Structures are given as C-alpha cells and as structure tokens.
C-alpha cells in the first residue's frame, strides 16, 4: 500500500455495471476495514483532527455519514455519485454482516 495515493477508475458504460461495481467495492471495503481497520478503515474527522481506528468506530462513522453524503449528492444533482455511493453502502453493510463473525 502506498500512502497518499489516488486511483481513478473510469465510469462503467451502463447503470447495471455501475451498480454491480459499486456493490462489490462496498463488499471489499467492509472486508478490508474488518481485517485491518488501522490501514483500510481510517476515516479522519478533520475538524477535530482524529482518525477512527476501531471496527465499531468505522461502522458508526459509516452509518452517520452515509445518509448525509447521499442527501448531498441528491441536492447537488449528481445522480451517478448518488447511485454509486448508495449501492456501495449496501455492499458495505452486506460485507460487514457477512465478514464480521468470520475468521478473516
């Protein structure tokens, strides 16, 4: 893993592919956050300058911030962002439930 690296992905050609990609990215994000929360699940709360480093803290952060981000994408008329983040969140929830009790 290279710190402070950005990766850009092209938007899929159709909505079905976008939804599948978003859902699978959400699953992968949940798996990574559960396996190594200190590396993959570090949401940083900028205004108080702390990083969340626990599994439950990461889940709590996602539950609080996801509806806010989804509402923001709707209000700013960004339907592709909204669709991607919505299905990413569903995949994340599914992944969290699927992987939380397993020996990862």
N, C-alpha and C. Protein backbone atom coordinates (compact mmCIF):
# COMPACT_ATOMS: atom_id res chain seq x y z
N UNK A 1 0.84 -1.17 0.00
CA UNK A 1 0.00 0.00 0.00
C UNK A 1 0.88 1.23 0.00
N UNK A 2 0.58 2.13 -0.89
CA UNK A 2 1.34 3.37 -0.99
C UNK A 2 0.50 4.49 -0.37
N UNK A 3 0.98 5.10 0.69
CA UNK A 3 0.20 6.16 1.34
C UNK A 3 -0.03 7.34 0.40
N UNK A 4 -1.14 8.02 0.60
CA UNK A 4 -1.49 9.24 -0.13
C UNK A 4 -1.53 9.04 -1.64
N UNK A 5 -1.96 7.86 -2.07
CA UNK A 5 -2.05 7.56 -3.50
C UNK A 5 -3.49 7.66 -3.95
N UNK A 6 -3.71 8.22 -5.12
CA UNK A 6 -5.04 8.34 -5.71
C UNK A 6 -5.16 7.37 -6.85
N UNK A 7 -6.31 6.73 -6.95
CA UNK A 7 -6.58 5.83 -8.06
C UNK A 7 -7.88 6.28 -8.70
N UNK A 8 -7.86 6.43 -10.00
CA UNK A 8 -9.06 6.84 -10.73
C UNK A 8 -9.56 5.66 -11.56
N UNK A 9 -10.86 5.48 -11.56
CA UNK A 9 -11.47 4.41 -12.34
C UNK A 9 -12.46 5.05 -13.31
N UNK A 10 -12.50 4.53 -14.52
CA UNK A 10 -13.47 5.02 -15.49
C UNK A 10 -14.87 4.59 -15.07
N UNK A 11 -15.84 5.42 -15.39
CA UNK A 11 -17.23 5.10 -15.09
C UNK A 11 -17.69 4.00 -16.06
N UNK A 12 -18.38 2.98 -15.58
CA UNK A 12 -18.86 1.90 -16.46
C UNK A 12 -19.79 2.44 -17.55
N UNK A 13 -19.96 1.64 -18.59
CA UNK A 13 -20.76 2.04 -19.74
C UNK A 13 -22.26 2.03 -19.50
N UNK A 14 -22.73 1.28 -18.51
CA UNK A 14 -24.16 1.24 -18.26
C UNK A 14 -24.44 1.19 -16.76
N UNK A 15 -25.69 1.45 -16.41
CA UNK A 15 -26.08 1.56 -15.00
C UNK A 15 -25.95 0.23 -14.27
N UNK A 16 -26.28 -0.86 -14.93
CA UNK A 16 -26.20 -2.18 -14.29
C UNK A 16 -24.77 -2.49 -13.87
N UNK A 17 -23.82 -2.22 -14.74
CA UNK A 17 -22.41 -2.45 -14.41
C UNK A 17 -21.96 -1.53 -13.29
N UNK A 18 -22.42 -0.28 -13.30
CA UNK A 18 -22.09 0.66 -12.23
C UNK A 18 -22.58 0.14 -10.88
N UNK A 19 -23.82 -0.35 -10.85
CA UNK A 19 -24.41 -0.85 -9.61
C UNK A 19 -23.63 -2.07 -9.10
N UNK A 20 -23.32 -3.00 -9.99
CA UNK A 20 -22.56 -4.19 -9.59
C UNK A 20 -21.18 -3.81 -9.07
N UNK A 21 -20.51 -2.90 -9.79
CA UNK A 21 -19.18 -2.48 -9.38
C UNK A 21 -19.23 -1.80 -8.01
N UNK A 22 -20.21 -0.92 -7.81
CA UNK A 22 -20.33 -0.22 -6.53
C UNK A 22 -20.58 -1.20 -5.39
N UNK A 23 -21.48 -2.15 -5.61
CA UNK A 23 -21.80 -3.13 -4.58
C UNK A 23 -20.57 -3.96 -4.21
N UNK A 24 -19.83 -4.42 -5.20
CA UNK A 24 -18.64 -5.23 -4.93
C UNK A 24 -17.53 -4.42 -4.29
N UNK A 25 -17.43 -3.14 -4.64
CA UNK A 25 -16.46 -2.27 -3.97
C UNK A 25 -16.82 -2.10 -2.49
N UNK A 26 -18.12 -2.01 -2.22
CA UNK A 26 -18.58 -1.91 -0.83
C UNK A 26 -18.25 -3.16 -0.03
N UNK A 27 -18.47 -4.33 -0.65
CA UNK A 27 -18.10 -5.59 0.00
C UNK A 27 -16.61 -5.61 0.33
N UNK A 28 -15.80 -5.23 -0.65
CA UNK A 28 -14.35 -5.22 -0.46
C UNK A 28 -13.92 -4.22 0.61
N UNK A 29 -14.57 -3.08 0.65
CA UNK A 29 -14.24 -2.08 1.67
C UNK A 29 -14.54 -2.60 3.07
N UNK A 30 -15.67 -3.28 3.21
CA UNK A 30 -16.03 -3.84 4.52
C UNK A 30 -15.03 -4.91 4.93
N UNK A 31 -14.67 -5.77 4.00
CA UNK A 31 -13.70 -6.82 4.30
C UNK A 31 -12.37 -6.21 4.75
N UNK A 32 -11.90 -5.22 4.01
CA UNK A 32 -10.62 -4.59 4.35
C UNK A 32 -10.70 -3.88 5.70
N UNK A 33 -11.81 -3.20 5.97
CA UNK A 33 -11.96 -2.49 7.24
C UNK A 33 -12.03 -3.45 8.41
N UNK A 34 -12.64 -4.62 8.22
CA UNK A 34 -12.72 -5.60 9.29
C UNK A 34 -11.38 -6.30 9.51
N UNK A 35 -10.67 -6.57 8.43
CA UNK A 35 -9.41 -7.28 8.53
C UNK A 35 -8.30 -6.39 9.11
N UNK A 36 -8.19 -5.19 8.60
CA UNK A 36 -7.14 -4.27 9.04
C UNK A 36 -7.69 -2.86 9.21
N UNK A 37 -8.48 -2.62 10.25
CA UNK A 37 -9.10 -1.30 10.41
C UNK A 37 -8.08 -0.17 10.51
N UNK A 38 -6.90 -0.47 11.04
CA UNK A 38 -5.89 0.58 11.19
C UNK A 38 -5.33 1.02 9.84
N UNK A 39 -5.45 0.18 8.81
CA UNK A 39 -4.96 0.55 7.48
C UNK A 39 -6.05 1.00 6.54
N UNK A 40 -7.17 0.27 6.53
CA UNK A 40 -8.18 0.48 5.49
C UNK A 40 -9.42 1.21 5.95
N UNK A 41 -9.60 1.38 7.20
CA UNK A 41 -10.84 1.97 7.65
C UNK A 41 -10.64 3.28 8.38
N UNK A 42 -9.65 4.02 7.99
CA UNK A 42 -9.30 5.19 8.76
C UNK A 42 -10.01 6.45 8.32
N UNK A 43 -11.29 6.58 8.59
CA UNK A 43 -11.90 7.87 8.30
C UNK A 43 -11.32 8.91 9.25
N UNK A 44 -11.00 10.04 8.71
CA UNK A 44 -10.42 11.10 9.53
C UNK A 44 -11.46 12.20 9.70
N UNK A 45 -11.72 12.54 10.93
CA UNK A 45 -12.64 13.62 11.23
C UNK A 45 -11.81 14.89 11.28
N UNK A 46 -11.88 15.65 10.21
CA UNK A 46 -10.96 16.77 10.02
C UNK A 46 -11.10 17.88 11.06
N UNK A 47 -12.34 18.22 11.41
CA UNK A 47 -12.50 19.38 12.29
C UNK A 47 -12.00 19.14 13.71
N UNK A 48 -11.83 17.88 14.12
CA UNK A 48 -11.23 17.61 15.43
C UNK A 48 -9.92 16.85 15.29
N UNK A 49 -9.50 16.62 14.05
CA UNK A 49 -8.18 16.06 13.72
C UNK A 49 -7.90 14.71 14.40
N UNK A 50 -8.86 13.79 14.30
CA UNK A 50 -8.61 12.44 14.81
C UNK A 50 -8.96 11.42 13.72
N UNK A 51 -8.37 10.26 13.83
CA UNK A 51 -8.69 9.15 12.94
C UNK A 51 -9.34 8.05 13.75
N UNK A 52 -10.33 7.40 13.16
CA UNK A 52 -11.03 6.31 13.82
C UNK A 52 -10.29 5.01 13.50
N UNK A 53 -9.91 4.25 14.51
CA UNK A 53 -9.09 3.07 14.28
C UNK A 53 -9.69 1.78 14.81
N UNK A 54 -10.97 1.80 15.17
CA UNK A 54 -11.60 0.58 15.66
C UNK A 54 -12.70 0.15 14.69
N UNK A 55 -13.01 -1.13 14.68
CA UNK A 55 -14.03 -1.66 13.77
C UNK A 55 -15.39 -1.03 14.05
N UNK A 56 -15.78 -0.95 15.30
CA UNK A 56 -17.09 -0.39 15.63
C UNK A 56 -17.12 1.10 15.36
N UNK A 57 -16.02 1.77 15.55
CA UNK A 57 -15.94 3.20 15.25
C UNK A 57 -16.11 3.47 13.76
N UNK A 58 -15.51 2.62 12.95
CA UNK A 58 -15.62 2.75 11.50
C UNK A 58 -17.07 2.53 11.07
N UNK A 59 -17.70 1.51 11.61
CA UNK A 59 -19.10 1.23 11.27
C UNK A 59 -19.99 2.40 11.70
N UNK A 60 -19.78 2.91 12.90
CA UNK A 60 -20.56 4.04 13.39
C UNK A 60 -20.38 5.25 12.48
N UNK A 61 -19.15 5.52 12.08
CA UNK A 61 -18.84 6.63 11.17
C UNK A 61 -19.60 6.48 9.86
N UNK A 62 -19.60 5.25 9.30
CA UNK A 62 -20.30 4.99 8.03
C UNK A 62 -21.79 5.21 8.18
N UNK A 63 -22.36 4.71 9.27
CA UNK A 63 -23.81 4.83 9.49
C UNK A 63 -24.22 6.30 9.61
N UNK A 64 -23.39 7.11 10.22
CA UNK A 64 -23.71 8.53 10.41
C UNK A 64 -23.48 9.32 9.11
N UNK A 65 -22.37 9.09 8.43
CA UNK A 65 -22.02 9.93 7.28
C UNK A 65 -22.69 9.52 5.97
N UNK A 66 -23.04 8.26 5.81
CA UNK A 66 -23.62 7.82 4.53
C UNK A 66 -24.91 8.55 4.17
N UNK A 67 -25.90 8.66 5.06
CA UNK A 67 -27.11 9.40 4.68
C UNK A 67 -26.83 10.86 4.34
N UNK A 68 -25.86 11.46 5.01
CA UNK A 68 -25.50 12.86 4.74
C UNK A 68 -24.92 12.98 3.34
N UNK A 69 -24.01 12.08 2.99
CA UNK A 69 -23.41 12.11 1.65
C UNK A 69 -24.45 11.85 0.58
N UNK A 70 -25.34 10.88 0.81
CA UNK A 70 -26.38 10.58 -0.17
C UNK A 70 -27.29 11.78 -0.39
N UNK A 71 -27.69 12.44 0.68
CA UNK A 71 -28.52 13.63 0.57
C UNK A 71 -27.79 14.73 -0.20
N UNK A 72 -26.51 14.89 0.08
CA UNK A 72 -25.71 15.91 -0.60
C UNK A 72 -25.65 15.64 -2.10
N UNK A 73 -25.45 14.38 -2.48
CA UNK A 73 -25.40 14.03 -3.90
C UNK A 73 -26.74 14.28 -4.58
N UNK A 74 -27.83 14.06 -3.87
CA UNK A 74 -29.15 14.36 -4.44
C UNK A 74 -29.36 15.86 -4.61
N UNK A 75 -29.04 16.61 -3.57
CA UNK A 75 -29.25 18.05 -3.60
C UNK A 75 -28.36 18.76 -4.62
N UNK A 76 -27.19 18.22 -4.87
CA UNK A 76 -26.28 18.83 -5.84
C UNK A 76 -26.44 18.23 -7.24
N UNK A 77 -27.50 17.43 -7.40
CA UNK A 77 -27.85 16.85 -8.71
C UNK A 77 -26.70 16.04 -9.33
N UNK A 78 -26.18 15.12 -8.54
CA UNK A 78 -25.12 14.22 -9.03
C UNK A 78 -25.62 12.78 -8.95
N UNK A 79 -26.42 12.37 -9.93
CA UNK A 79 -27.06 11.05 -9.86
C UNK A 79 -26.08 9.88 -9.94
N UNK A 80 -24.99 10.02 -10.66
CA UNK A 80 -24.02 8.92 -10.76
C UNK A 80 -23.34 8.71 -9.41
N UNK A 81 -22.95 9.79 -8.76
CA UNK A 81 -22.35 9.69 -7.43
C UNK A 81 -23.36 9.07 -6.46
N UNK A 82 -24.60 9.54 -6.54
CA UNK A 82 -25.63 9.01 -5.65
C UNK A 82 -25.79 7.51 -5.84
N UNK A 83 -25.96 7.07 -7.09
CA UNK A 83 -26.13 5.64 -7.37
C UNK A 83 -24.95 4.83 -6.87
N UNK A 84 -23.75 5.29 -7.20
CA UNK A 84 -22.56 4.55 -6.80
C UNK A 84 -22.48 4.46 -5.28
N UNK A 85 -22.63 5.58 -4.60
CA UNK A 85 -22.47 5.57 -3.15
C UNK A 85 -23.58 4.80 -2.46
N UNK A 86 -24.80 4.87 -3.01
CA UNK A 86 -25.92 4.12 -2.44
C UNK A 86 -25.63 2.62 -2.49
N UNK A 87 -25.26 2.11 -3.66
CA UNK A 87 -25.00 0.68 -3.78
C UNK A 87 -23.69 0.27 -3.11
N UNK A 88 -22.74 1.18 -3.03
CA UNK A 88 -21.52 0.92 -2.27
C UNK A 88 -21.87 0.74 -0.80
N UNK A 89 -22.75 1.59 -0.28
CA UNK A 89 -23.18 1.49 1.12
C UNK A 89 -23.91 0.18 1.38
N UNK A 90 -24.78 -0.23 0.44
CA UNK A 90 -25.47 -1.51 0.58
C UNK A 90 -24.47 -2.67 0.60
N UNK A 91 -23.48 -2.61 -0.29
CA UNK A 91 -22.44 -3.64 -0.31
C UNK A 91 -21.63 -3.65 0.97
N UNK A 92 -21.36 -2.46 1.51
CA UNK A 92 -20.60 -2.35 2.75
C UNK A 92 -21.37 -3.00 3.91
N UNK A 93 -22.66 -2.71 3.98
CA UNK A 93 -23.49 -3.30 5.03
C UNK A 93 -23.53 -4.82 4.88
N UNK A 94 -23.74 -5.29 3.66
CA UNK A 94 -23.76 -6.73 3.39
C UNK A 94 -22.42 -7.36 3.76
N UNK A 95 -21.32 -6.73 3.37
CA UNK A 95 -20.00 -7.24 3.70
C UNK A 95 -19.74 -7.26 5.19
N UNK A 96 -20.18 -6.21 5.88
CA UNK A 96 -19.98 -6.15 7.33
C UNK A 96 -20.68 -7.32 8.00
N UNK A 97 -21.93 -7.59 7.58
CA UNK A 97 -22.68 -8.69 8.18
C UNK A 97 -22.08 -10.04 7.79
N UNK A 98 -21.60 -10.14 6.58
CA UNK A 98 -21.05 -11.40 6.08
C UNK A 98 -19.70 -11.74 6.72
N UNK A 99 -18.84 -10.74 6.87
CA UNK A 99 -17.47 -11.00 7.30
C UNK A 99 -17.21 -10.76 8.78
N UNK A 100 -18.14 -10.12 9.51
CA UNK A 100 -17.84 -9.72 10.89
C UNK A 100 -17.56 -10.89 11.83
N UNK A 101 -18.23 -12.01 11.63
CA UNK A 101 -18.02 -13.14 12.53
C UNK A 101 -17.04 -14.18 12.01
N UNK A 102 -16.57 -13.97 10.80
CA UNK A 102 -15.67 -14.99 10.21
C UNK A 102 -14.24 -14.75 10.63
N UNK A 103 -13.48 -15.81 10.60
CA UNK A 103 -12.04 -15.73 10.85
C UNK A 103 -11.39 -15.24 9.56
N UNK A 104 -11.13 -13.97 9.49
CA UNK A 104 -10.63 -13.37 8.25
C UNK A 104 -9.13 -13.56 8.16
